[in-house]
Amino acid sequence: MARQRFTGREIVSVLTDFGYTPVDRTGSHLKLRYVHPKTGEIRNVTVPIGHEISGDTLRHIADQCGADDFHAWCEWIDEHR
């Protein structure tokens, strides 16, 4: 079973490796954007940096990424961190 606790830096590292780009930082929150190369669909994700993320916040980040399956998304992050 994949972890369900990650640091913000771990999540940002994986997302940037897969095409998300940082667009803004407000305090301890980093905003990233992904534009799908074929459809032009835009996804905006906000990740808190500096502490471990779990629970509802982690689920919200997965939703912003378009994850249909939270556990599969956690496995994906865990495999690529």
PDB file of N, CA and C in Angstrom:
ATOM      1  N   MET A   1       0.844  -1.186   0.000  1.00  0.00           N
ATOM      2  CA  MET A   1       0.000   0.000   0.000  1.00  0.00           C
ATOM      3  C   MET A   1       0.887   1.247   0.000  1.00  0.00           C
ATOM      4  N   ALA A   2       0.538   2.188  -0.807  1.00  0.00           N
ATOM      5  CA  ALA A   2       1.308   3.421  -0.936  1.00  0.00           C
ATOM      6  C   ALA A   2       1.115   4.321   0.287  1.00  0.00           C
ATOM      7  N   ARG A   3       2.106   5.140   0.518  1.00  0.00           N
ATOM      8  CA  ARG A   3       2.006   6.129   1.586  1.00  0.00           C
ATOM      9  C   ARG A   3       0.873   7.099   1.283  1.00  0.00           C
ATOM     10  N   GLN A   4       0.349   7.688   2.323  1.00  0.00           N
ATOM     11  CA  GLN A   4      -0.660   8.726   2.154  1.00  0.00           C
ATOM     12  C   GLN A   4      -0.264   9.978   2.912  1.00  0.00           C
ATOM     13  N   ARG A   5       1.037  10.145   3.069  1.00  0.00           N
ATOM     14  CA  ARG A   5       1.624  11.342   3.683  1.00  0.00           C
ATOM     15  C   ARG A   5       2.868  11.687   2.876  1.00  0.00           C
ATOM     16  N   PHE A   6       2.920  12.911   2.392  1.00  0.00           N
ATOM     17  CA  PHE A   6       4.058  13.365   1.615  1.00  0.00           C
ATOM     18  C   PHE A   6       4.380  14.791   2.020  1.00  0.00           C
ATOM     19  N   THR A   7       5.623  15.196   1.809  1.00  0.00           N
ATOM     20  CA  THR A   7       5.947  16.606   2.016  1.00  0.00           C
ATOM     21  C   THR A   7       5.516  17.360   0.768  1.00  0.00           C
ATOM     22  N   GLY A   8       5.312  18.634   0.926  1.00  0.00           N
ATOM     23  CA  GLY A   8       4.970  19.459  -0.223  1.00  0.00           C
ATOM     24  C   GLY A   8       6.063  19.420  -1.273  1.00  0.00           C
ATOM     25  N   ARG A   9       7.306  19.382  -0.848  1.00  0.00           N
ATOM     26  CA  ARG A   9       8.433  19.334  -1.790  1.00  0.00           C
ATOM     27  C   ARG A   9       8.417  18.043  -2.609  1.00  0.00           C
ATOM     28  N   GLU A  10       8.039  16.916  -1.992  1.00  0.00           N
ATOM     29  CA  GLU A  10       7.945  15.657  -2.737  1.00  0.00           C
ATOM     30  C   GLU A  10       6.875  15.756  -3.828  1.00  0.00           C
ATOM     31  N   ILE A  11       5.741  16.309  -3.473  1.00  0.00           N
ATOM     32  CA  ILE A  11       4.647  16.433  -4.437  1.00  0.00           C
ATOM     33  C   ILE A  11       5.038  17.375  -5.574  1.00  0.00           C
ATOM     34  N   VAL A  12       5.610  18.523  -5.236  1.00  0.00           N
ATOM     35  CA  VAL A  12       6.023  19.492  -6.252  1.00  0.00           C
ATOM     36  C   VAL A  12       7.072  18.885  -7.175  1.00  0.00           C
ATOM     37  N   SER A  13       8.007  18.138  -6.620  1.00  0.00           N
ATOM     38  CA  SER A  13       9.053  17.514  -7.432  1.00  0.00           C
ATOM     39  C   SER A  13       8.460  16.580  -8.478  1.00  0.00           C
ATOM     40  N   VAL A  14       7.523  15.747  -8.069  1.00  0.00           N
ATOM     41  CA  VAL A  14       6.897  14.805  -9.008  1.00  0.00           C
ATOM     42  C   VAL A  14       6.086  15.565 -10.051  1.00  0.00           C
ATOM     43  N   LEU A  15       5.290  16.520  -9.615  1.00  0.00           N
ATOM     44  CA  LEU A  15       4.439  17.242 -10.562  1.00  0.00           C
ATOM     45  C   LEU A  15       5.268  18.015 -11.580  1.00  0.00           C
ATOM     46  N   THR A  16       6.341  18.649 -11.148  1.00  0.00           N
ATOM     47  CA  THR A  16       7.169  19.388 -12.111  1.00  0.00           C
ATOM     48  C   THR A  16       7.868  18.446 -13.082  1.00  0.00           C
ATOM     49  N   ASP A  17       8.232  17.255 -12.628  1.00  0.00           N
ATOM     50  CA  ASP A  17       8.819  16.261 -13.536  1.00  0.00           C
ATOM     51  C   ASP A  17       7.837  15.844 -14.623  1.00  0.00           C
ATOM     52  N   PHE A  18       6.538  15.991 -14.356  1.00  0.00           N
ATOM     53  CA  PHE A  18       5.516  15.569 -15.308  1.00  0.00           C
ATOM     54  C   PHE A  18       4.820  16.752 -15.992  1.00  0.00           C
ATOM     55  N   GLY A  19       5.478  17.907 -16.024  1.00  0.00           N
ATOM     56  CA  GLY A  19       4.990  19.010 -16.839  1.00  0.00           C
ATOM     57  C   GLY A  19       4.279  20.149 -16.139  1.00  0.00           C
ATOM     58  N   TYR A  20       4.095  20.074 -14.831  1.00  0.00           N
ATOM     59  CA  TYR A  20       3.507  21.194 -14.112  1.00  0.00           C
ATOM     60  C   TYR A  20       4.584  22.264 -13.937  1.00  0.00           C
ATOM     61  N   THR A  21       4.209  23.531 -14.077  1.00  0.00           N
ATOM     62  CA  THR A  21       5.170  24.609 -13.913  1.00  0.00           C
ATOM     63  C   THR A  21       4.725  25.537 -12.793  1.00  0.00           C
ATOM     64  N   PRO A  22       5.668  25.972 -11.967  1.00  0.00           N
ATOM     65  CA  PRO A  22       5.325  26.932 -10.914  1.00  0.00           C
ATOM     66  C   PRO A  22       4.908  28.263 -11.546  1.00  0.00           C
ATOM     67  N   VAL A  23       3.811  28.831 -11.055  1.00  0.00           N
ATOM     68  CA  VAL A  23       3.341  30.101 -11.596  1.00  0.00           C
ATOM     69  C   VAL A  23       3.238  31.190 -10.540  1.00  0.00           C
ATOM     70  N   ASP A  24       3.196  30.819  -9.269  1.00  0.00           N
ATOM     71  CA  ASP A  24       3.062  31.823  -8.213  1.00  0.00           C
ATOM     72  C   ASP A  24       3.381  31.189  -6.869  1.00  0.00           C
ATOM     73  N   ARG A  25       3.801  32.016  -5.951  1.00  0.00           N
ATOM     74  CA  ARG A  25       4.019  31.556  -4.582  1.00  0.00           C
ATOM     75  C   ARG A  25       3.469  32.622  -3.652  1.00  0.00           C
ATOM     76  N   THR A  26       2.603  32.192  -2.752  1.00  0.00           N
ATOM     77  CA  THR A  26       2.028  33.082  -1.760  1.00  0.00           C
ATOM     78  C   THR A  26       2.310  32.477  -0.402  1.00  0.00           C
ATOM     79  N   GLY A  27       3.187  33.113   0.350  1.00  0.00           N
ATOM     80  CA  GLY A  27       3.562  32.572   1.657  1.00  0.00           C
ATOM     81  C   GLY A  27       4.156  31.193   1.506  1.00  0.00           C
ATOM     82  N   SER A  28       3.554  30.219   2.152  1.00  0.00           N
ATOM     83  CA  SER A  28       4.082  28.854   2.101  1.00  0.00           C
ATOM     84  C   SER A  28       3.374  27.993   1.062  1.00  0.00           C
ATOM     85  N   HIS A  29       2.603  28.596   0.175  1.00  0.00           N
ATOM     86  CA  HIS A  29       1.863  27.841  -0.845  1.00  0.00           C
ATOM     87  C   HIS A  29       2.423  28.124  -2.238  1.00  0.00           C
ATOM     88  N   LEU A  30       2.720  27.059  -2.967  1.00  0.00           N
ATOM     89  CA  LEU A  30       3.212  27.156  -4.329  1.00  0.00           C
ATOM     90  C   LEU A  30       2.085  26.774  -5.278  1.00  0.00           C
ATOM     91  N   LYS A  31       1.853  27.603  -6.272  1.00  0.00           N
ATOM     92  CA  LYS A  31       0.826  27.325  -7.269  1.00  0.00           C
ATOM     93  C   LYS A  31       1.505  26.819  -8.529  1.00  0.00           C
ATOM     94  N   LEU A  32       0.994  25.707  -9.047  1.00  0.00           N
ATOM     95  CA  LEU A  32       1.521  25.113 -10.269  1.00  0.00           C
ATOM     96  C   LEU A  32       0.416  25.026 -11.305  1.00  0.00           C
ATOM     97  N   ARG A  33       0.822  25.029 -12.574  1.00  0.00           N
ATOM     98  CA  ARG A  33      -0.152  24.930 -13.661  1.00  0.00           C
ATOM     99  C   ARG A  33       0.314  23.874 -14.652  1.00  0.00           C
ATOM    100  N   TYR A  34      -0.659  23.129 -15.163  1.00  0.00           N
ATOM    101  CA  TYR A  34      -0.400  22.140 -16.208  1.00  0.00           C
ATOM    102  C   TYR A  34      -1.338  22.427 -17.369  1.00  0.00           C
ATOM    103  N   VAL A  35      -0.784  22.498 -18.571  1.00  0.00           N
ATOM    104  CA  VAL A  35      -1.592  22.669 -19.775  1.00  0.00           C
ATOM    105  C   VAL A  35      -1.386  21.414 -20.612  1.00  0.00           C
ATOM    106  N   HIS A  36      -2.480  20.676 -20.844  1.00  0.00           N
ATOM    107  CA  HIS A  36      -2.395  19.447 -21.627  1.00  0.00           C
ATOM    108  C   HIS A  36      -1.995  19.803 -23.059  1.00  0.00           C
ATOM    109  N   PRO A  37      -0.941  19.157 -23.575  1.00  0.00           N
ATOM    110  CA  PRO A  37      -0.427  19.539 -24.895  1.00  0.00           C
ATOM    111  C   PRO A  37      -1.389  19.295 -26.055  1.00  0.00           C
ATOM    112  N   LYS A  38      -2.291  18.358 -25.927  1.00  0.00           N
ATOM    113  CA  LYS A  38      -3.200  18.046 -27.035  1.00  0.00           C
ATOM    114  C   LYS A  38      -4.559  18.732 -26.910  1.00  0.00           C
ATOM    115  N   THR A  39      -5.094  18.784 -25.698  1.00  0.00           N
ATOM    116  CA  THR A  39      -6.441  19.321 -25.522  1.00  0.00           C
ATOM    117  C   THR A  39      -6.454  20.776 -25.046  1.00  0.00           C
ATOM    118  N   GLY A  40      -5.339  21.237 -24.494  1.00  0.00           N
ATOM    119  CA  GLY A  40      -5.295  22.589 -23.954  1.00  0.00           C
ATOM    120  C   GLY A  40      -5.938  22.716 -22.584  1.00  0.00           C
ATOM    121  N   GLU A  41      -6.399  21.596 -22.027  1.00  0.00           N
ATOM    122  CA  GLU A  41      -7.007  21.611 -20.690  1.00  0.00           C
ATOM    123  C   GLU A  41      -5.986  22.147 -19.688  1.00  0.00           C
ATOM    124  N   ILE A  42      -6.439  23.024 -18.805  1.00  0.00           N
ATOM    125  CA  ILE A  42      -5.565  23.634 -17.803  1.00  0.00           C
ATOM    126  C   ILE A  42      -5.926  23.119 -16.427  1.00  0.00           C
ATOM    127  N   ARG A  43      -4.915  22.720 -15.684  1.00  0.00           N
ATOM    128  CA  ARG A  43      -5.099  22.297 -14.293  1.00  0.00           C
ATOM    129  C   ARG A  43      -4.238  23.201 -13.413  1.00  0.00           C
ATOM    130  N   ASN A  44      -4.842  23.784 -12.394  1.00  0.00           N
ATOM    131  CA  ASN A  44      -4.135  24.598 -11.417  1.00  0.00           C
ATOM    132  C   ASN A  44      -4.122  23.848 -10.098  1.00  0.00           C
ATOM    133  N   VAL A  45      -2.946  23.765  -9.500  1.00  0.00           N
ATOM    134  CA  VAL A  45      -2.771  23.011  -8.258  1.00  0.00           C
ATOM    135  C   VAL A  45      -2.038  23.898  -7.258  1.00  0.00           C
ATOM    136  N   THR A  46      -2.509  23.923  -6.027  1.00  0.00           N
ATOM    137  CA  THR A  46      -1.844  24.660  -4.955  1.00  0.00           C
ATOM    138  C   THR A  46      -1.329  23.660  -3.932  1.00  0.00           C
ATOM    139  N   VAL A  47      -0.021  23.753  -3.635  1.00  0.00           N
ATOM    140  CA  VAL A  47       0.616  22.807  -2.716  1.00  0.00           C
ATOM    141  C   VAL A  47       1.273  23.580  -1.580  1.00  0.00           C
ATOM    142  N   PRO A  48       0.916  23.271  -0.328  1.00  0.00           N
ATOM    143  CA  PRO A  48       1.615  23.896   0.797  1.00  0.00           C
ATOM    144  C   PRO A  48       3.014  23.300   0.925  1.00  0.00           C
ATOM    145  N   ILE A  49       3.992  24.154   1.123  1.00  0.00           N
ATOM    146  CA  ILE A  49       5.384  23.729   1.230  1.00  0.00           C
ATOM    147  C   ILE A  49       5.827  23.873   2.687  1.00  0.00           C
ATOM    148  N   GLY A  50       6.692  22.989   3.123  1.00  0.00           N
ATOM    149  CA  GLY A  50       7.296  23.169   4.433  1.00  0.00           C
ATOM    150  C   GLY A  50       6.819  22.220   5.513  1.00  0.00           C
ATOM    151  N   HIS A  51       5.827  21.397   5.211  1.00  0.00           N
ATOM    152  CA  HIS A  51       5.393  20.418   6.212  1.00  0.00           C
ATOM    153  C   HIS A  51       4.786  19.212   5.507  1.00  0.00           C
ATOM    154  N   GLU A  52       4.512  18.193   6.292  1.00  0.00           N
ATOM    155  CA  GLU A  52       3.928  16.976   5.735  1.00  0.00           C
ATOM    156  C   GLU A  52       2.442  17.193   5.441  1.00  0.00           C
ATOM    157  N   ILE A  53       1.994  16.640   4.315  1.00  0.00           N
ATOM    158  CA  ILE A  53       0.614  16.809   3.877  1.00  0.00           C
ATOM    159  C   ILE A  53      -0.082  15.456   3.911  1.00  0.00           C
ATOM    160  N   SER A  54      -1.258  15.428   4.481  1.00  0.00           N
ATOM    161  CA  SER A  54      -2.045  14.194   4.524  1.00  0.00           C
ATOM    162  C   SER A  54      -3.521  14.570   4.595  1.00  0.00           C
ATOM    163  N   GLY A  55      -4.362  13.577   4.692  1.00  0.00           N
ATOM    164  CA  GLY A  55      -5.791  13.794   4.896  1.00  0.00           C
ATOM    165  C   GLY A  55      -6.473  14.560   3.792  1.00  0.00           C
ATOM    166  N   ASP A  56      -7.372  15.459   4.195  1.00  0.00           N
ATOM    167  CA  ASP A  56      -8.188  16.198   3.238  1.00  0.00           C
ATOM    168  C   ASP A  56      -7.363  17.085   2.315  1.00  0.00           C
ATOM    169  N   THR A  57      -6.281  17.649   2.818  1.00  0.00           N
ATOM    170  CA  THR A  57      -5.440  18.506   1.982  1.00  0.00           C
ATOM    171  C   THR A  57      -4.816  17.698   0.850  1.00  0.00           C
ATOM    172  N   LEU A  58      -4.337  16.515   1.161  1.00  0.00           N
ATOM    173  CA  LEU A  58      -3.750  15.657   0.134  1.00  0.00           C
ATOM    174  C   LEU A  58      -4.814  15.234  -0.876  1.00  0.00           C
ATOM    175  N   ARG A  59      -5.997  14.911  -0.408  1.00  0.00           N
ATOM    176  CA  ARG A  59      -7.095  14.541  -1.314  1.00  0.00           C
ATOM    177  C   ARG A  59      -7.467  15.720  -2.221  1.00  0.00           C
ATOM    178  N   HIS A  60      -7.452  16.924  -1.671  1.00  0.00           N
ATOM    179  CA  HIS A  60      -7.778  18.102  -2.467  1.00  0.00           C
ATOM    180  C   HIS A  60      -6.735  18.321  -3.569  1.00  0.00           C
ATOM    181  N   ILE A  61      -5.469  18.118  -3.254  1.00  0.00           N
ATOM    182  CA  ILE A  61      -4.409  18.242  -4.262  1.00  0.00           C
ATOM    183  C   ILE A  61      -4.606  17.194  -5.351  1.00  0.00           C
ATOM    184  N   ALA A  62      -4.919  15.971  -4.973  1.00  0.00           N
ATOM    185  CA  ALA A  62      -5.170  14.909  -5.953  1.00  0.00           C
ATOM    186  C   ALA A  62      -6.350  15.286  -6.854  1.00  0.00           C
ATOM    187  N   ASP A  63      -7.409  15.852  -6.276  1.00  0.00           N
ATOM    188  CA  ASP A  63      -8.563  16.290  -7.066  1.00  0.00           C
ATOM    189  C   ASP A  63      -8.173  17.385  -8.056  1.00  0.00           C
ATOM    190  N   GLN A  64      -7.353  18.334  -7.596  1.00  0.00           N
ATOM    191  CA  GLN A  64      -6.904  19.409  -8.477  1.00  0.00           C
ATOM    192  C   GLN A  64      -6.087  18.855  -9.647  1.00  0.00           C
ATOM    193  N   CYS A  65      -5.386  17.745  -9.418  1.00  0.00           N
ATOM    194  CA  CYS A  65      -4.590  17.103 -10.465  1.00  0.00           C
ATOM    195  C   CYS A  65      -5.466  16.272 -11.407  1.00  0.00           C
ATOM    196  N   GLY A  66      -6.723  16.098 -11.065  1.00  0.00           N
ATOM    197  CA  GLY A  66      -7.633  15.329 -11.909  1.00  0.00           C
ATOM    198  C   GLY A  66      -7.649  13.840 -11.607  1.00  0.00           C
ATOM    199  N   ALA A  67      -7.171  13.461 -10.436  1.00  0.00           N
ATOM    200  CA  ALA A  67      -7.123  12.043 -10.067  1.00  0.00           C
ATOM    201  C   ALA A  67      -8.527  11.483  -9.858  1.00  0.00           C
ATOM    202  N   ASP A  68      -8.791  10.364 -10.512  1.00  0.00           N
ATOM    203  CA  ASP A  68     -10.065   9.671 -10.314  1.00  0.00           C
ATOM    204  C   ASP A  68      -9.994   8.726  -9.120  1.00  0.00           C
ATOM    205  N   ASP A  69      -8.797   8.239  -8.825  1.00  0.00           N
ATOM    206  CA  ASP A  69      -8.581   7.268  -7.756  1.00  0.00           C
ATOM    207  C   ASP A  69      -7.483   7.794  -6.834  1.00  0.00           C
ATOM    208  N   PHE A  70      -7.870   8.215  -5.639  1.00  0.00           N
ATOM    209  CA  PHE A  70      -6.928   8.808  -4.697  1.00  0.00           C
ATOM    210  C   PHE A  70      -5.780   7.861  -4.361  1.00  0.00           C
ATOM    211  N   HIS A  71      -6.084   6.595  -4.116  1.00  0.00           N
ATOM    212  CA  HIS A  71      -5.042   5.642  -3.731  1.00  0.00           C
ATOM    213  C   HIS A  71      -4.062   5.408  -4.879  1.00  0.00           C
ATOM    214  N   ALA A  72      -4.565   5.332  -6.096  1.00  0.00           N
ATOM    215  CA  ALA A  72      -3.679   5.172  -7.260  1.00  0.00           C
ATOM    216  C   ALA A  72      -2.807   6.409  -7.435  1.00  0.00           C
ATOM    217  N   TRP A  73      -3.361   7.596  -7.184  1.00  0.00           N
ATOM    218  CA  TRP A  73      -2.582   8.828  -7.280  1.00  0.00           C
ATOM    219  C   TRP A  73      -1.457   8.826  -6.234  1.00  0.00           C
ATOM    220  N   CYS A  74      -1.767   8.400  -5.015  1.00  0.00           N
ATOM    221  CA  CYS A  74      -0.736   8.315  -3.963  1.00  0.00           C
ATOM    222  C   CYS A  74       0.367   7.332  -4.377  1.00  0.00           C
ATOM    223  N   GLU A  75      -0.017   6.213  -4.961  1.00  0.00           N
ATOM    224  CA  GLU A  75       0.981   5.247  -5.445  1.00  0.00           C
ATOM    225  C   GLU A  75       1.850   5.879  -6.521  1.00  0.00           C
ATOM    226  N   TRP A  76       1.243   6.642  -7.422  1.00  0.00           N
ATOM    227  CA  TRP A  76       1.973   7.313  -8.492  1.00  0.00           C
ATOM    228  C   TRP A  76       2.984   8.303  -7.918  1.00  0.00           C
ATOM    229  N   ILE A  77       2.559   9.104  -6.948  1.00  0.00           N
ATOM    230  CA  ILE A  77       3.477  10.056  -6.298  1.00  0.00           C
ATOM    231  C   ILE A  77       4.599   9.293  -5.600  1.00  0.00           C
ATOM    232  N   ASP A  78       4.250   8.240  -4.879  1.00  0.00           N
ATOM    233  CA  ASP A  78       5.239   7.461  -4.132  1.00  0.00           C
ATOM    234  C   ASP A  78       6.270   6.820  -5.067  1.00  0.00           C
ATOM    235  N   GLU A  79       5.827   6.319  -6.220  1.00  0.00           N
ATOM    236  CA  GLU A  79       6.730   5.671  -7.177  1.00  0.00           C
ATOM    237  C   GLU A  79       7.684   6.653  -7.842  1.00  0.00           C
ATOM    238  N   HIS A  80       7.255   7.898  -8.018  1.00  0.00           N
ATOM    239  CA  HIS A  80       8.054   8.852  -8.779  1.00  0.00           C
ATOM    240  C   HIS A  80       8.785   9.888  -7.937  1.00  0.00           C
ATOM    241  N   ARG A  81       8.639   9.823  -6.636  1.00  0.00           N
ATOM    242  CA  ARG A  81       9.306  10.847  -5.793  1.00  0.00           C
ATOM    243  C   ARG A  81      10.779  10.614  -5.701  1.00  0.00           C
TER     244      ARG A  81
END
